[in-house]
Amino acid sequence: MSNTYIFLICLGMGIVTYIPRVLPLILFSDREMPDGLKEALKFVPVAMLSALIAKDVFFRDDTLFLSLSNPKLLAFLIVIFVAAKFKSIMASLVVGTAAVFIFSLIL
């Protein structure tokens, strides 16, 4: 493959990724979003993060892994408590990382 071909492929991929992000801004920038849509869009980041976390914590090799020998599950339970108690992202991250490390060594 030539460098020109690779460059054109990269340029095409950039355009294809850029258009879906910019097109709604161009088409709907002068309109106000309905309140129902605004409310629904507030839950998108939480839903995405929950899906990523659930896949990592509850599954191993595409099978459900709900066991006390699952270090991520044990760390998750601790992080839920820490997050509810202290309401601090930094505390949750530090405790969660340490818990996964420690449980991985023990189990």
PDB file of N, CA and C in Angstrom:
ATOM      1  N   MET A   1       0.839  -1.179   0.000  1.00  0.00           N
ATOM      2  CA  MET A   1       0.000   0.000   0.000  1.00  0.00           C
ATOM      3  C   MET A   1       0.883   1.240   0.000  1.00  0.00           C
ATOM      4  N   SER A   2       0.448   2.206  -0.748  1.00  0.00           N
ATOM      5  CA  SER A   2       1.232   3.435  -0.827  1.00  0.00           C
ATOM      6  C   SER A   2       0.846   4.369   0.317  1.00  0.00           C
ATOM      7  N   ASN A   3       1.712   5.334   0.563  1.00  0.00           N
ATOM      8  CA  ASN A   3       1.462   6.320   1.609  1.00  0.00           C
ATOM      9  C   ASN A   3       0.227   7.157   1.284  1.00  0.00           C
ATOM     10  N   THR A   4       0.007   7.438   0.016  1.00  0.00           N
ATOM     11  CA  THR A   4      -1.167   8.216  -0.390  1.00  0.00           C
ATOM     12  C   THR A   4      -2.443   7.457  -0.056  1.00  0.00           C
ATOM     13  N   TYR A   5      -2.446   6.166  -0.318  1.00  0.00           N
ATOM     14  CA  TYR A   5      -3.612   5.334  -0.033  1.00  0.00           C
ATOM     15  C   TYR A   5      -3.899   5.325   1.477  1.00  0.00           C
ATOM     16  N   ILE A   6      -2.881   5.149   2.275  1.00  0.00           N
ATOM     17  CA  ILE A   6      -3.041   5.137   3.736  1.00  0.00           C
ATOM     18  C   ILE A   6      -3.538   6.498   4.222  1.00  0.00           C
ATOM     19  N   PHE A   7      -2.989   7.575   3.671  1.00  0.00           N
ATOM     20  CA  PHE A   7      -3.418   8.915   4.043  1.00  0.00           C
ATOM     21  C   PHE A   7      -4.896   9.128   3.701  1.00  0.00           C
ATOM     22  N   LEU A   8      -5.311   8.690   2.522  1.00  0.00           N
ATOM     23  CA  LEU A   8      -6.710   8.855   2.125  1.00  0.00           C
ATOM     24  C   LEU A   8      -7.648   8.022   3.002  1.00  0.00           C
ATOM     25  N   ILE A   9      -7.223   6.850   3.393  1.00  0.00           N
ATOM     26  CA  ILE A   9      -8.022   6.018   4.294  1.00  0.00           C
ATOM     27  C   ILE A   9      -8.175   6.726   5.646  1.00  0.00           C
ATOM     28  N   CYS A  10      -7.075   7.249   6.183  1.00  0.00           N
ATOM     29  CA  CYS A  10      -7.135   7.964   7.470  1.00  0.00           C
ATOM     30  C   CYS A  10      -8.008   9.209   7.358  1.00  0.00           C
ATOM     31  N   LEU A  11      -7.887   9.923   6.262  1.00  0.00           N
ATOM     32  CA  LEU A  11      -8.711  11.108   6.045  1.00  0.00           C
ATOM     33  C   LEU A  11     -10.188  10.728   5.969  1.00  0.00           C
ATOM     34  N   GLY A  12     -10.503   9.673   5.258  1.00  0.00           N
ATOM     35  CA  GLY A  12     -11.884   9.196   5.157  1.00  0.00           C
ATOM     36  C   GLY A  12     -12.441   8.774   6.503  1.00  0.00           C
ATOM     37  N   MET A  13     -11.636   8.066   7.289  1.00  0.00           N
ATOM     38  CA  MET A  13     -12.090   7.655   8.616  1.00  0.00           C
ATOM     39  C   MET A  13     -12.339   8.868   9.501  1.00  0.00           C
ATOM     40  N   GLY A  14     -11.490   9.874   9.382  1.00  0.00           N
ATOM     41  CA  GLY A  14     -11.679  11.098  10.158  1.00  0.00           C
ATOM     42  C   GLY A  14     -12.967  11.807   9.782  1.00  0.00           C
ATOM     43  N   ILE A  15     -13.235  11.884   8.491  1.00  0.00           N
ATOM     44  CA  ILE A  15     -14.464  12.546   8.025  1.00  0.00           C
ATOM     45  C   ILE A  15     -15.692  11.774   8.487  1.00  0.00           C
ATOM     46  N   VAL A  16     -15.645  10.448   8.353  1.00  0.00           N
ATOM     47  CA  VAL A  16     -16.780   9.615   8.750  1.00  0.00           C
ATOM     48  C   VAL A  16     -17.039   9.714  10.254  1.00  0.00           C
ATOM     49  N   THR A  17     -16.001   9.901  11.053  1.00  0.00           N
ATOM     50  CA  THR A  17     -16.203  10.033  12.501  1.00  0.00           C
ATOM     51  C   THR A  17     -16.620  11.452  12.881  1.00  0.00           C
ATOM     52  N   TYR A  18     -16.167  12.413  12.119  1.00  0.00           N
ATOM     53  CA  TYR A  18     -16.423  13.813  12.442  1.00  0.00           C
ATOM     54  C   TYR A  18     -17.848  14.229  12.083  1.00  0.00           C
ATOM     55  N   ILE A  19     -18.368  13.747  10.968  1.00  0.00           N
ATOM     56  CA  ILE A  19     -19.690  14.169  10.477  1.00  0.00           C
ATOM     57  C   ILE A  19     -20.807  13.861  11.483  1.00  0.00           C
ATOM     58  N   PRO A  20     -20.903  12.668  12.060  1.00  0.00           N
ATOM     59  CA  PRO A  20     -22.001  12.434  13.011  1.00  0.00           C
ATOM     60  C   PRO A  20     -21.920  13.303  14.267  1.00  0.00           C
ATOM     61  N   ARG A  21     -20.760  13.815  14.583  1.00  0.00           N
ATOM     62  CA  ARG A  21     -20.637  14.670  15.756  1.00  0.00           C
ATOM     63  C   ARG A  21     -20.995  16.112  15.447  1.00  0.00           C
ATOM     64  N   VAL A  22     -20.656  16.566  14.252  1.00  0.00           N
ATOM     65  CA  VAL A  22     -20.868  17.971  13.898  1.00  0.00           C
ATOM     66  C   VAL A  22     -22.242  18.208  13.287  1.00  0.00           C
ATOM     67  N   LEU A  23     -22.741  17.253  12.545  1.00  0.00           N
ATOM     68  CA  LEU A  23     -24.013  17.430  11.850  1.00  0.00           C
ATOM     69  C   LEU A  23     -25.173  17.805  12.781  1.00  0.00           C
ATOM     70  N   PRO A  24     -25.349  17.115  13.911  1.00  0.00           N
ATOM     71  CA  PRO A  24     -26.430  17.545  14.809  1.00  0.00           C
ATOM     72  C   PRO A  24     -26.235  18.968  15.342  1.00  0.00           C
ATOM     73  N   LEU A  25     -24.990  19.349  15.586  1.00  0.00           N
ATOM     74  CA  LEU A  25     -24.736  20.718  16.058  1.00  0.00           C
ATOM     75  C   LEU A  25     -25.126  21.744  15.002  1.00  0.00           C
ATOM     76  N   ILE A  26     -24.827  21.445  13.763  1.00  0.00           N
ATOM     77  CA  ILE A  26     -25.155  22.368  12.676  1.00  0.00           C
ATOM     78  C   ILE A  26     -26.668  22.427  12.467  1.00  0.00           C
ATOM     79  N   LEU A  27     -27.316  21.278  12.460  1.00  0.00           N
ATOM     80  CA  LEU A  27     -28.743  21.238  12.170  1.00  0.00           C
ATOM     81  C   LEU A  27     -29.615  21.768  13.305  1.00  0.00           C
ATOM     82  N   PHE A  28     -29.209  21.519  14.545  1.00  0.00           N
ATOM     83  CA  PHE A  28     -30.072  21.843  15.673  1.00  0.00           C
ATOM     84  C   PHE A  28     -29.537  22.955  16.568  1.00  0.00           C
ATOM     85  N   SER A  29     -28.534  23.693  16.123  1.00  0.00           N
ATOM     86  CA  SER A  29     -27.940  24.717  16.988  1.00  0.00           C
ATOM     87  C   SER A  29     -28.880  25.877  17.260  1.00  0.00           C
ATOM     88  N   ASP A  30     -29.806  26.152  16.359  1.00  0.00           N
ATOM     89  CA  ASP A  30     -30.707  27.276  16.562  1.00  0.00           C
ATOM     90  C   ASP A  30     -32.010  26.869  17.248  1.00  0.00           C
ATOM     91  N   ARG A  31     -32.150  25.609  17.598  1.00  0.00           N
ATOM     92  CA  ARG A  31     -33.368  25.115  18.243  1.00  0.00           C
ATOM     93  C   ARG A  31     -33.112  24.803  19.710  1.00  0.00           C
ATOM     94  N   GLU A  32     -34.159  24.907  20.488  1.00  0.00           N
ATOM     95  CA  GLU A  32     -34.093  24.534  21.901  1.00  0.00           C
ATOM     96  C   GLU A  32     -34.506  23.074  22.050  1.00  0.00           C
ATOM     97  N   MET A  33     -33.751  22.328  22.844  1.00  0.00           N
ATOM     98  CA  MET A  33     -34.083  20.926  23.060  1.00  0.00           C
ATOM     99  C   MET A  33     -35.302  20.811  23.969  1.00  0.00           C
ATOM    100  N   PRO A  34     -36.174  19.856  23.697  1.00  0.00           N
ATOM    101  CA  PRO A  34     -37.307  19.637  24.597  1.00  0.00           C
ATOM    102  C   PRO A  34     -36.818  19.227  25.985  1.00  0.00           C
ATOM    103  N   ASP A  35     -37.592  19.603  26.994  1.00  0.00           N
ATOM    104  CA  ASP A  35     -37.188  19.306  28.371  1.00  0.00           C
ATOM    105  C   ASP A  35     -37.082  17.809  28.632  1.00  0.00           C
ATOM    106  N   GLY A  36     -37.962  17.024  28.026  1.00  0.00           N
ATOM    107  CA  GLY A  36     -37.899  15.575  28.203  1.00  0.00           C
ATOM    108  C   GLY A  36     -36.602  14.984  27.676  1.00  0.00           C
ATOM    109  N   LEU A  37     -36.137  15.495  26.544  1.00  0.00           N
ATOM    110  CA  LEU A  37     -34.880  15.020  25.970  1.00  0.00           C
ATOM    111  C   LEU A  37     -33.693  15.434  26.843  1.00  0.00           C
ATOM    112  N   LYS A  38     -33.741  16.660  27.359  1.00  0.00           N
ATOM    113  CA  LYS A  38     -32.674  17.112  28.265  1.00  0.00           C
ATOM    114  C   LYS A  38     -32.592  16.211  29.494  1.00  0.00           C
ATOM    115  N   GLU A  39     -33.748  15.878  30.054  1.00  0.00           N
ATOM    116  CA  GLU A  39     -33.775  14.998  31.231  1.00  0.00           C
ATOM    117  C   GLU A  39     -33.230  13.618  30.899  1.00  0.00           C
ATOM    118  N   ALA A  40     -33.612  13.080  29.744  1.00  0.00           N
ATOM    119  CA  ALA A  40     -33.155  11.747  29.351  1.00  0.00           C
ATOM    120  C   ALA A  40     -31.647  11.729  29.106  1.00  0.00           C
ATOM    121  N   LEU A  41     -31.120  12.768  28.520  1.00  0.00           N
ATOM    122  CA  LEU A  41     -29.686  12.810  28.205  1.00  0.00           C
ATOM    123  C   LEU A  41     -28.815  12.928  29.455  1.00  0.00           C
ATOM    124  N   LYS A  42     -29.392  13.346  30.562  1.00  0.00           N
ATOM    125  CA  LYS A  42     -28.622  13.420  31.810  1.00  0.00           C
ATOM    126  C   LYS A  42     -28.180  12.040  32.282  1.00  0.00           C
ATOM    127  N   PHE A  43     -28.927  11.005  31.884  1.00  0.00           N
ATOM    128  CA  PHE A  43     -28.638   9.653  32.367  1.00  0.00           C
ATOM    129  C   PHE A  43     -27.679   8.880  31.458  1.00  0.00           C
ATOM    130  N   VAL A  44     -27.330   9.426  30.316  1.00  0.00           N
ATOM    131  CA  VAL A  44     -26.464   8.712  29.374  1.00  0.00           C
ATOM    132  C   VAL A  44     -25.073   8.436  29.963  1.00  0.00           C
ATOM    133  N   PRO A  45     -24.378   9.424  30.557  1.00  0.00           N
ATOM    134  CA  PRO A  45     -23.049   9.103  31.111  1.00  0.00           C
ATOM    135  C   PRO A  45     -23.098   8.054  32.210  1.00  0.00           C
ATOM    136  N   VAL A  46     -24.098   8.122  33.078  1.00  0.00           N
ATOM    137  CA  VAL A  46     -24.218   7.144  34.164  1.00  0.00           C
ATOM    138  C   VAL A  46     -24.475   5.750  33.596  1.00  0.00           C
ATOM    139  N   ALA A  47     -25.329   5.662  32.593  1.00  0.00           N
ATOM    140  CA  ALA A  47     -25.635   4.367  31.987  1.00  0.00           C
ATOM    141  C   ALA A  47     -24.410   3.775  31.297  1.00  0.00           C
ATOM    142  N   MET A  48     -23.653   4.606  30.590  1.00  0.00           N
ATOM    143  CA  MET A  48     -22.452   4.119  29.907  1.00  0.00           C
ATOM    144  C   MET A  48     -21.415   3.624  30.916  1.00  0.00           C
ATOM    145  N   LEU A  49     -21.187   4.408  31.954  1.00  0.00           N
ATOM    146  CA  LEU A  49     -20.208   4.021  32.967  1.00  0.00           C
ATOM    147  C   LEU A  49     -20.650   2.749  33.683  1.00  0.00           C
ATOM    148  N   SER A  50     -21.934   2.636  33.983  1.00  0.00           N
ATOM    149  CA  SER A  50     -22.454   1.430  34.642  1.00  0.00           C
ATOM    150  C   SER A  50     -22.248   0.190  33.775  1.00  0.00           C
ATOM    151  N   ALA A  51     -22.478   0.328  32.487  1.00  0.00           N
ATOM    152  CA  ALA A  51     -22.289  -0.809  31.583  1.00  0.00           C
ATOM    153  C   ALA A  51     -20.822  -1.233  31.536  1.00  0.00           C
ATOM    154  N   LEU A  52     -19.920  -0.276  31.501  1.00  0.00           N
ATOM    155  CA  LEU A  52     -18.493  -0.613  31.477  1.00  0.00           C
ATOM    156  C   LEU A  52     -18.052  -1.274  32.776  1.00  0.00           C
ATOM    157  N   ILE A  53     -18.533  -0.746  33.887  1.00  0.00           N
ATOM    158  CA  ILE A  53     -18.152  -1.296  35.182  1.00  0.00           C
ATOM    159  C   ILE A  53     -18.729  -2.704  35.352  1.00  0.00           C
ATOM    160  N   ALA A  54     -19.992  -2.877  34.992  1.00  0.00           N
ATOM    161  CA  ALA A  54     -20.633  -4.187  35.147  1.00  0.00           C
ATOM    162  C   ALA A  54     -19.906  -5.259  34.342  1.00  0.00           C
ATOM    163  N   LYS A  55     -19.511  -4.938  33.142  1.00  0.00           N
ATOM    164  CA  LYS A  55     -18.801  -5.905  32.293  1.00  0.00           C
ATOM    165  C   LYS A  55     -17.474  -6.303  32.930  1.00  0.00           C
ATOM    166  N   ASP A  56     -16.788  -5.329  33.508  1.00  0.00           N
ATOM    167  CA  ASP A  56     -15.473  -5.610  34.087  1.00  0.00           C
ATOM    168  C   ASP A  56     -15.577  -6.329  35.424  1.00  0.00           C
ATOM    169  N   VAL A  57     -16.546  -5.965  36.238  1.00  0.00           N
ATOM    170  CA  VAL A  57     -16.637  -6.511  37.593  1.00  0.00           C
ATOM    171  C   VAL A  57     -17.303  -7.882  37.622  1.00  0.00           C
ATOM    172  N   PHE A  58     -18.401  -8.037  36.913  1.00  0.00           N
ATOM    173  CA  PHE A  58     -19.219  -9.231  37.064  1.00  0.00           C
ATOM    174  C   PHE A  58     -18.927 -10.347  36.064  1.00  0.00           C
ATOM    175  N   PHE A  59     -18.092 -10.090  35.070  1.00  0.00           N
ATOM    176  CA  PHE A  59     -17.828 -11.103  34.049  1.00  0.00           C
ATOM    177  C   PHE A  59     -16.334 -11.389  33.938  1.00  0.00           C
ATOM    178  N   ARG A  60     -16.033 -12.647  33.640  1.00  0.00           N
ATOM    179  CA  ARG A  60     -14.659 -13.040  33.311  1.00  0.00           C
ATOM    180  C   ARG A  60     -14.751 -14.030  32.171  1.00  0.00           C
ATOM    181  N   ASP A  61     -14.046 -13.768  31.104  1.00  0.00           N
ATOM    182  CA  ASP A  61     -14.077 -14.603  29.897  1.00  0.00           C
ATOM    183  C   ASP A  61     -15.505 -14.777  29.384  1.00  0.00           C
ATOM    184  N   ASP A  62     -16.260 -13.707  29.373  1.00  0.00           N
ATOM    185  CA  ASP A  62     -17.639 -13.670  28.871  1.00  0.00           C
ATOM    186  C   ASP A  62     -18.600 -14.598  29.609  1.00  0.00           C
ATOM    187  N   THR A  63     -18.274 -14.946  30.833  1.00  0.00           N
ATOM    188  CA  THR A  63     -19.204 -15.711  31.667  1.00  0.00           C
ATOM    189  C   THR A  63     -19.367 -14.977  32.993  1.00  0.00           C
ATOM    190  N   LEU A  64     -20.562 -15.070  33.549  1.00  0.00           N
ATOM    191  CA  LEU A  64     -20.855 -14.421  34.812  1.00  0.00           C
ATOM    192  C   LEU A  64     -19.984 -15.024  35.909  1.00  0.00           C
ATOM    193  N   PHE A  65     -19.333 -14.147  36.694  1.00  0.00           N
ATOM    194  CA  PHE A  65     -18.377 -14.594  37.717  1.00  0.00           C
ATOM    195  C   PHE A  65     -18.739 -13.956  39.051  1.00  0.00           C
ATOM    196  N   LEU A  66     -19.778 -14.499  39.688  1.00  0.00           N
ATOM    197  CA  LEU A  66     -20.230 -14.007  40.990  1.00  0.00           C
ATOM    198  C   LEU A  66     -19.734 -14.955  42.062  1.00  0.00           C
ATOM    199  N   SER A  67     -18.511 -14.744  42.493  1.00  0.00           N
ATOM    200  CA  SER A  67     -17.895 -15.620  43.472  1.00  0.00           C
ATOM    201  C   SER A  67     -17.086 -14.769  44.438  1.00  0.00           C
ATOM    202  N   LEU A  68     -16.904 -15.268  45.631  1.00  0.00           N
ATOM    203  CA  LEU A  68     -16.062 -14.554  46.588  1.00  0.00           C
ATOM    204  C   LEU A  68     -14.585 -14.649  46.225  1.00  0.00           C
ATOM    205  N   SER A  69     -14.257 -15.421  45.217  1.00  0.00           N
ATOM    206  CA  SER A  69     -12.881 -15.464  44.733  1.00  0.00           C
ATOM    207  C   SER A  69     -12.653 -14.450  43.618  1.00  0.00           C
ATOM    208  N   ASN A  70     -13.654 -13.614  43.343  1.00  0.00           N
ATOM    209  CA  ASN A  70     -13.545 -12.553  42.341  1.00  0.00           C
ATOM    210  C   ASN A  70     -13.038 -11.285  43.040  1.00  0.00           C
ATOM    211  N   PRO A  71     -11.765 -10.915  42.847  1.00  0.00           N
ATOM    212  CA  PRO A  71     -11.218  -9.754  43.557  1.00  0.00           C
ATOM    213  C   PRO A  71     -11.909  -8.444  43.178  1.00  0.00           C
ATOM    214  N   LYS A  72     -12.350  -8.337  41.928  1.00  0.00           N
ATOM    215  CA  LYS A  72     -13.010  -7.108  41.496  1.00  0.00           C
ATOM    216  C   LYS A  72     -14.378  -6.949  42.139  1.00  0.00           C
ATOM    217  N   LEU A  73     -15.069  -8.061  42.348  1.00  0.00           N
ATOM    218  CA  LEU A  73     -16.378  -8.005  42.989  1.00  0.00           C
ATOM    219  C   LEU A  73     -16.239  -7.575  44.451  1.00  0.00           C
ATOM    220  N   LEU A  74     -15.271  -8.126  45.148  1.00  0.00           N
ATOM    221  CA  LEU A  74     -15.046  -7.747  46.543  1.00  0.00           C
ATOM    222  C   LEU A  74     -14.638  -6.271  46.640  1.00  0.00           C
ATOM    223  N   ALA A  75     -13.770  -5.829  45.747  1.00  0.00           N
ATOM    224  CA  ALA A  75     -13.358  -4.428  45.739  1.00  0.00           C
ATOM    225  C   ALA A  75     -14.539  -3.525  45.405  1.00  0.00           C
ATOM    226  N   PHE A  76     -15.398  -3.966  44.493  1.00  0.00           N
ATOM    227  CA  PHE A  76     -16.584  -3.198  44.117  1.00  0.00           C
ATOM    228  C   PHE A  76     -17.495  -2.985  45.323  1.00  0.00           C
ATOM    229  N   LEU A  77     -17.698  -4.015  46.110  1.00  0.00           N
ATOM    230  CA  LEU A  77     -18.542  -3.891  47.298  1.00  0.00           C
ATOM    231  C   LEU A  77     -17.966  -2.888  48.288  1.00  0.00           C
ATOM    232  N   ILE A  78     -16.660  -2.891  48.439  1.00  0.00           N
ATOM    233  CA  ILE A  78     -16.003  -1.935  49.333  1.00  0.00           C
ATOM    234  C   ILE A  78     -16.131  -0.520  48.776  1.00  0.00           C
ATOM    235  N   VAL A  79     -15.942  -0.366  47.486  1.00  0.00           N
ATOM    236  CA  VAL A  79     -16.015   0.958  46.862  1.00  0.00           C
ATOM    237  C   VAL A  79     -17.427   1.530  46.965  1.00  0.00           C
ATOM    238  N   ILE A  80     -18.437   0.696  46.815  1.00  0.00           N
ATOM    239  CA  ILE A  80     -19.820   1.165  46.967  1.00  0.00           C
ATOM    240  C   ILE A  80     -20.007   1.767  48.359  1.00  0.00           C
ATOM    241  N   PHE A  81     -19.508   1.099  49.379  1.00  0.00           N
ATOM    242  CA  PHE A  81     -19.614   1.608  50.748  1.00  0.00           C
ATOM    243  C   PHE A  81     -18.845   2.924  50.903  1.00  0.00           C
ATOM    244  N   VAL A  82     -17.617   2.968  50.405  1.00  0.00           N
ATOM    245  CA  VAL A  82     -16.788   4.178  50.528  1.00  0.00           C
ATOM    246  C   VAL A  82     -17.420   5.351  49.784  1.00  0.00           C
ATOM    247  N   ALA A  83     -17.935   5.089  48.589  1.00  0.00           N
ATOM    248  CA  ALA A  83     -18.559   6.154  47.804  1.00  0.00           C
ATOM    249  C   ALA A  83     -19.807   6.690  48.499  1.00  0.00           C
ATOM    250  N   ALA A  84     -20.608   5.810  49.085  1.00  0.00           N
ATOM    251  CA  ALA A  84     -21.811   6.256  49.783  1.00  0.00           C
ATOM    252  C   ALA A  84     -21.471   7.012  51.062  1.00  0.00           C
ATOM    253  N   LYS A  85     -20.438   6.582  51.746  1.00  0.00           N
ATOM    254  CA  LYS A  85     -20.064   7.196  53.029  1.00  0.00           C
ATOM    255  C   LYS A  85     -19.393   8.553  52.843  1.00  0.00           C
ATOM    256  N   PHE A  86     -18.398   8.622  51.944  1.00  0.00           N
ATOM    257  CA  PHE A  86     -17.581   9.833  51.836  1.00  0.00           C
ATOM    258  C   PHE A  86     -17.951  10.728  50.656  1.00  0.00           C
ATOM    259  N   LYS A  87     -18.667  10.188  49.669  1.00  0.00           N
ATOM    260  CA  LYS A  87     -19.068  10.949  48.477  1.00  0.00           C
ATOM    261  C   LYS A  87     -17.868  11.669  47.840  1.00  0.00           C
ATOM    262  N   SER A  88     -16.783  10.931  47.707  1.00  0.00           N
ATOM    263  CA  SER A  88     -15.553  11.468  47.147  1.00  0.00           C
ATOM    264  C   SER A  88     -15.054  10.529  46.045  1.00  0.00           C
ATOM    265  N   ILE A  89     -14.895  11.082  44.859  1.00  0.00           N
ATOM    266  CA  ILE A  89     -14.399  10.283  43.743  1.00  0.00           C
ATOM    267  C   ILE A  89     -12.965   9.836  44.006  1.00  0.00           C
ATOM    268  N   MET A  90     -12.156  10.745  44.540  1.00  0.00           N
ATOM    269  CA  MET A  90     -10.743  10.414  44.791  1.00  0.00           C
ATOM    270  C   MET A  90     -10.621   9.293  45.827  1.00  0.00           C
ATOM    271  N   ALA A  91     -11.396   9.377  46.892  1.00  0.00           N
ATOM    272  CA  ALA A  91     -11.349   8.323  47.911  1.00  0.00           C
ATOM    273  C   ALA A  91     -11.803   6.987  47.316  1.00  0.00           C
ATOM    274  N   SER A  92     -12.841   7.018  46.496  1.00  0.00           N
ATOM    275  CA  SER A  92     -13.333   5.802  45.862  1.00  0.00           C
ATOM    276  C   SER A  92     -12.273   5.199  44.945  1.00  0.00           C
ATOM    277  N   LEU A  93     -11.601   6.035  44.162  1.00  0.00           N
ATOM    278  CA  LEU A  93     -10.562   5.544  43.251  1.00  0.00           C
ATOM    279  C   LEU A  93      -9.394   4.925  44.009  1.00  0.00           C
ATOM    280  N   VAL A  94      -8.944   5.605  45.043  1.00  0.00           N
ATOM    281  CA  VAL A  94      -7.795   5.112  45.809  1.00  0.00           C
ATOM    282  C   VAL A  94      -8.146   3.803  46.513  1.00  0.00           C
ATOM    283  N   VAL A  95      -9.285   3.793  47.193  1.00  0.00           N
ATOM    284  CA  VAL A  95      -9.693   2.586  47.920  1.00  0.00           C
ATOM    285  C   VAL A  95      -9.960   1.441  46.947  1.00  0.00           C
ATOM    286  N   GLY A  96     -10.617   1.709  45.823  1.00  0.00           N
ATOM    287  CA  GLY A  96     -10.908   0.674  44.845  1.00  0.00           C
ATOM    288  C   GLY A  96      -9.657   0.068  44.236  1.00  0.00           C
ATOM    289  N   THR A  97      -8.721   0.927  43.863  1.00  0.00           N
ATOM    290  CA  THR A  97      -7.464   0.443  43.286  1.00  0.00           C
ATOM    291  C   THR A  97      -6.689  -0.390  44.296  1.00  0.00           C
ATOM    292  N   ALA A  98      -6.611   0.098  45.515  1.00  0.00           N
ATOM    293  CA  ALA A  98      -5.900  -0.644  46.559  1.00  0.00           C
ATOM    294  C   ALA A  98      -6.593  -1.968  46.848  1.00  0.00           C
ATOM    295  N   ALA A  99      -7.915  -1.963  46.879  1.00  0.00           N
ATOM    296  CA  ALA A  99      -8.657  -3.191  47.172  1.00  0.00           C
ATOM    297  C   ALA A  99      -8.467  -4.236  46.074  1.00  0.00           C
ATOM    298  N   VAL A 100      -8.523  -3.825  44.820  1.00  0.00           N
ATOM    299  CA  VAL A 100      -8.298  -4.776  43.727  1.00  0.00           C
ATOM    300  C   VAL A 100      -6.888  -5.349  43.808  1.00  0.00           C
ATOM    301  N   PHE A 101      -5.909  -4.501  44.089  1.00  0.00           N
ATOM    302  CA  PHE A 101      -4.522  -4.955  44.198  1.00  0.00           C
ATOM    303  C   PHE A 101      -4.372  -5.973  45.336  1.00  0.00           C
ATOM    304  N   ILE A 102      -4.908  -5.613  46.486  1.00  0.00           N
ATOM    305  CA  ILE A 102      -4.754  -6.488  47.670  1.00  0.00           C
ATOM    306  C   ILE A 102      -5.496  -7.808  47.473  1.00  0.00           C
ATOM    307  N   PHE A 103      -6.756  -7.730  46.994  1.00  0.00           N
ATOM    308  CA  PHE A 103      -7.513  -8.967  46.792  1.00  0.00           C
ATOM    309  C   PHE A 103      -6.911  -9.822  45.687  1.00  0.00           C
ATOM    310  N   SER A 104      -6.292  -9.209  44.691  1.00  0.00           N
ATOM    311  CA  SER A 104      -5.627  -9.993  43.636  1.00  0.00           C
ATOM    312  C   SER A 104      -4.436 -10.751  44.185  1.00  0.00           C
ATOM    313  N   LEU A 105      -3.745 -10.156  45.160  1.00  0.00           N
ATOM    314  CA  LEU A 105      -2.614 -10.839  45.774  1.00  0.00           C
ATOM    315  C   LEU A 105      -3.079 -11.974  46.685  1.00  0.00           C
ATOM    316  N   ILE A 106      -4.157 -11.730  47.414  1.00  0.00           N
ATOM    317  CA  ILE A 106      -4.641 -12.714  48.387  1.00  0.00           C
ATOM    318  C   ILE A 106      -5.326 -13.891  47.716  1.00  0.00           C
ATOM    319  N   LEU A 107      -6.182 -13.590  46.714  1.00  0.00           N
ATOM    320  CA  LEU A 107      -7.003 -14.653  46.120  1.00  0.00           C
ATOM    321  C   LEU A 107      -6.275 -15.350  45.004  1.00  0.00           C
TER     322      LEU A 107
END
